[in-house]
Amino acid sequence: MTDTVKGPASYFPSIEKKYGRPIAEWKELIRSSPLAKHMELVNWLKAEHGLGHGHANALVAHTLAETRGN
C-alpha cells in the first residue's frame, strides 16, 4: 500500500510541472534569500518568480520546517 503524501509536499508535483524547476532548486532559492519570515518569503516568490499563493506557501512552509528541524 502506498502512503499518500500530505501537507505542503502534496503540492510538489504540480509545482515542478507548472513552474519547470525541481523542488530542490526552489528550496535553495528560499534558503539563500536574505528574507527570513514566512510571509516575506511567500510574497517574494509570488512577486519575483510568479508563483501562486498556495504553491509559494507550500514551498516556504516545507523549507522552513526542514531548516528548523520540525
N, C-alpha and C. Protein backbone atom coordinates (compact mmCIF):
# COMPACT_ATOMS: atom_id res chain seq x y z
N MET A 1 0.82 -1.16 0.00
CA MET A 1 0.00 0.00 0.00
C MET A 1 0.88 1.25 0.00
N THR A 2 0.60 2.20 -0.87
CA THR A 2 1.39 3.41 -0.99
C THR A 2 0.85 4.49 -0.07
N ASP A 3 1.76 5.13 0.66
CA ASP A 3 1.35 6.24 1.53
C ASP A 3 1.04 7.46 0.68
N THR A 4 -0.04 8.13 1.00
CA THR A 4 -0.39 9.35 0.31
C THR A 4 0.39 10.50 0.93
N VAL A 5 1.01 11.31 0.06
CA VAL A 5 1.76 12.47 0.54
C VAL A 5 0.76 13.50 1.01
N LYS A 6 1.00 14.03 2.20
CA LYS A 6 0.10 15.01 2.78
C LYS A 6 0.86 16.29 3.09
N GLY A 7 0.13 17.33 3.39
CA GLY A 7 0.75 18.59 3.77
C GLY A 7 1.36 19.31 2.58
N PRO A 8 2.31 20.21 2.85
CA PRO A 8 2.89 21.02 1.78
C PRO A 8 3.50 20.20 0.64
N ALA A 9 4.09 19.07 0.96
CA ALA A 9 4.75 18.26 -0.08
C ALA A 9 3.77 17.74 -1.12
N SER A 10 2.48 17.70 -0.79
CA SER A 10 1.50 17.22 -1.77
C SER A 10 1.41 18.15 -2.98
N TYR A 11 1.87 19.38 -2.84
CA TYR A 11 1.87 20.33 -3.95
C TYR A 11 3.07 20.18 -4.88
N PHE A 12 4.10 19.48 -4.44
CA PHE A 12 5.37 19.46 -5.17
C PHE A 12 5.27 19.00 -6.62
N PRO A 13 4.56 17.92 -6.94
CA PRO A 13 4.50 17.53 -8.36
C PRO A 13 3.90 18.63 -9.25
N SER A 14 2.85 19.29 -8.79
CA SER A 14 2.25 20.33 -9.62
C SER A 14 3.14 21.57 -9.69
N ILE A 15 3.89 21.86 -8.64
CA ILE A 15 4.83 22.99 -8.67
C ILE A 15 5.91 22.75 -9.72
N GLU A 16 6.48 21.56 -9.70
CA GLU A 16 7.53 21.24 -10.69
C GLU A 16 6.98 21.31 -12.10
N LYS A 17 5.79 20.78 -12.31
CA LYS A 17 5.20 20.77 -13.64
C LYS A 17 4.87 22.18 -14.12
N LYS A 18 4.27 22.98 -13.26
CA LYS A 18 3.81 24.31 -13.66
C LYS A 18 4.95 25.30 -13.85
N TYR A 19 5.96 25.25 -12.97
CA TYR A 19 7.00 26.28 -13.00
C TYR A 19 8.33 25.80 -13.56
N GLY A 20 8.45 24.50 -13.86
CA GLY A 20 9.61 23.99 -14.58
C GLY A 20 10.92 23.92 -13.82
N ARG A 21 10.86 23.97 -12.51
CA ARG A 21 12.08 23.83 -11.70
C ARG A 21 11.87 22.71 -10.70
N PRO A 22 12.93 21.96 -10.40
CA PRO A 22 12.80 20.93 -9.37
C PRO A 22 12.63 21.57 -7.99
N ILE A 23 12.01 20.85 -7.09
CA ILE A 23 11.76 21.35 -5.73
C ILE A 23 13.06 21.72 -5.04
N ALA A 24 14.10 20.95 -5.25
CA ALA A 24 15.40 21.26 -4.62
C ALA A 24 15.89 22.65 -5.00
N GLU A 25 15.64 23.05 -6.24
CA GLU A 25 16.05 24.38 -6.69
C GLU A 25 15.24 25.48 -6.00
N TRP A 26 13.93 25.26 -5.86
CA TRP A 26 13.09 26.22 -5.16
C TRP A 26 13.54 26.36 -3.71
N LYS A 27 13.82 25.22 -3.07
CA LYS A 27 14.25 25.25 -1.67
C LYS A 27 15.57 26.00 -1.52
N GLU A 28 16.47 25.81 -2.45
CA GLU A 28 17.75 26.52 -2.40
C GLU A 28 17.55 28.02 -2.56
N LEU A 29 16.64 28.42 -3.44
CA LEU A 29 16.33 29.85 -3.59
C LEU A 29 15.80 30.42 -2.28
N ILE A 30 14.92 29.68 -1.63
CA ILE A 30 14.35 30.14 -0.36
C ILE A 30 15.44 30.24 0.70
N ARG A 31 16.28 29.23 0.79
CA ARG A 31 17.34 29.23 1.81
C ARG A 31 18.37 30.34 1.57
N SER A 32 18.62 30.67 0.32
CA SER A 32 19.63 31.69 0.01
C SER A 32 19.06 33.11 0.03
N SER A 33 17.78 33.25 0.20
CA SER A 33 17.16 34.56 0.25
C SER A 33 17.55 35.27 1.55
N PRO A 34 17.73 36.58 1.50
CA PRO A 34 18.01 37.33 2.73
C PRO A 34 16.77 37.45 3.63
N LEU A 35 15.62 37.09 3.10
CA LEU A 35 14.38 37.16 3.87
C LEU A 35 14.30 35.94 4.80
N ALA A 36 13.61 36.11 5.93
CA ALA A 36 13.53 35.01 6.89
C ALA A 36 12.10 34.68 7.31
N LYS A 37 11.21 35.64 7.25
CA LYS A 37 9.85 35.42 7.72
C LYS A 37 9.01 34.73 6.65
N HIS A 38 8.12 33.88 7.12
CA HIS A 38 7.28 33.08 6.23
C HIS A 38 6.59 33.92 5.15
N MET A 39 5.81 34.91 5.56
CA MET A 39 5.04 35.68 4.57
C MET A 39 5.92 36.55 3.70
N GLU A 40 7.07 36.99 4.19
CA GLU A 40 8.01 37.73 3.34
C GLU A 40 8.48 36.83 2.20
N LEU A 41 8.80 35.60 2.53
CA LEU A 41 9.26 34.66 1.51
C LEU A 41 8.15 34.30 0.54
N VAL A 42 6.95 34.10 1.04
CA VAL A 42 5.80 33.79 0.18
C VAL A 42 5.59 34.93 -0.81
N ASN A 43 5.54 36.15 -0.30
CA ASN A 43 5.32 37.31 -1.17
C ASN A 43 6.44 37.50 -2.18
N TRP A 44 7.66 37.21 -1.77
CA TRP A 44 8.81 37.30 -2.68
C TRP A 44 8.69 36.28 -3.82
N LEU A 45 8.35 35.04 -3.49
CA LEU A 45 8.18 34.02 -4.53
C LEU A 45 7.07 34.41 -5.51
N LYS A 46 6.01 34.98 -5.00
CA LYS A 46 4.89 35.41 -5.84
C LYS A 46 5.31 36.57 -6.75
N ALA A 47 5.97 37.57 -6.18
CA ALA A 47 6.34 38.77 -6.94
C ALA A 47 7.49 38.54 -7.90
N GLU A 48 8.52 37.85 -7.45
CA GLU A 48 9.73 37.69 -8.26
C GLU A 48 9.72 36.47 -9.17
N HIS A 49 8.96 35.45 -8.81
CA HIS A 49 9.01 34.20 -9.56
C HIS A 49 7.66 33.77 -10.11
N GLY A 50 6.62 34.54 -9.85
CA GLY A 50 5.31 34.29 -10.43
C GLY A 50 4.56 33.09 -9.87
N LEU A 51 4.92 32.64 -8.69
CA LEU A 51 4.20 31.51 -8.10
C LEU A 51 2.85 31.96 -7.57
N GLY A 52 1.90 31.04 -7.58
CA GLY A 52 0.62 31.28 -6.94
C GLY A 52 0.80 31.21 -5.44
N HIS A 53 -0.17 31.75 -4.71
CA HIS A 53 -0.06 31.81 -3.25
C HIS A 53 0.08 30.42 -2.61
N GLY A 54 -0.76 29.48 -3.02
CA GLY A 54 -0.72 28.14 -2.42
C GLY A 54 0.59 27.43 -2.66
N HIS A 55 1.13 27.56 -3.86
CA HIS A 55 2.40 26.92 -4.18
C HIS A 55 3.54 27.57 -3.41
N ALA A 56 3.56 28.90 -3.37
CA ALA A 56 4.61 29.60 -2.62
C ALA A 56 4.53 29.25 -1.14
N ASN A 57 3.34 29.24 -0.61
CA ASN A 57 3.14 28.92 0.81
C ASN A 57 3.62 27.50 1.12
N ALA A 58 3.30 26.55 0.27
CA ALA A 58 3.72 25.16 0.49
C ALA A 58 5.24 25.04 0.48
N LEU A 59 5.89 25.68 -0.48
CA LEU A 59 7.35 25.62 -0.56
C LEU A 59 8.00 26.24 0.67
N VAL A 60 7.53 27.40 1.07
CA VAL A 60 8.11 28.08 2.22
C VAL A 60 7.87 27.28 3.50
N ALA A 61 6.66 26.81 3.70
CA ALA A 61 6.34 26.04 4.91
C ALA A 61 7.22 24.81 5.02
N HIS A 62 7.35 24.08 3.94
CA HIS A 62 8.15 22.85 3.96
C HIS A 62 9.63 23.15 4.17
N THR A 63 10.13 24.16 3.49
CA THR A 63 11.56 24.51 3.60
C THR A 63 11.90 25.02 4.99
N LEU A 64 11.05 25.89 5.54
CA LEU A 64 11.33 26.41 6.89
C LEU A 64 11.23 25.31 7.94
N ALA A 65 10.30 24.39 7.76
CA ALA A 65 10.17 23.27 8.70
C ALA A 65 11.42 22.40 8.67
N GLU A 66 11.96 22.16 7.49
CA GLU A 66 13.21 21.38 7.38
C GLU A 66 14.37 22.13 8.03
N THR A 67 14.45 23.41 7.75
CA THR A 67 15.55 24.23 8.27
C THR A 67 15.52 24.29 9.78
N ARG A 68 14.32 24.34 10.34
CA ARG A 68 14.17 24.43 11.80
C ARG A 68 14.12 23.06 12.48
N GLY A 69 14.18 22.02 11.66
CA GLY A 69 14.19 20.67 12.21
C GLY A 69 12.86 20.17 12.72
N ASN A 70 11.77 20.71 12.17
CA ASN A 70 10.42 20.27 12.58
C ASN A 70 9.96 19.10 11.77
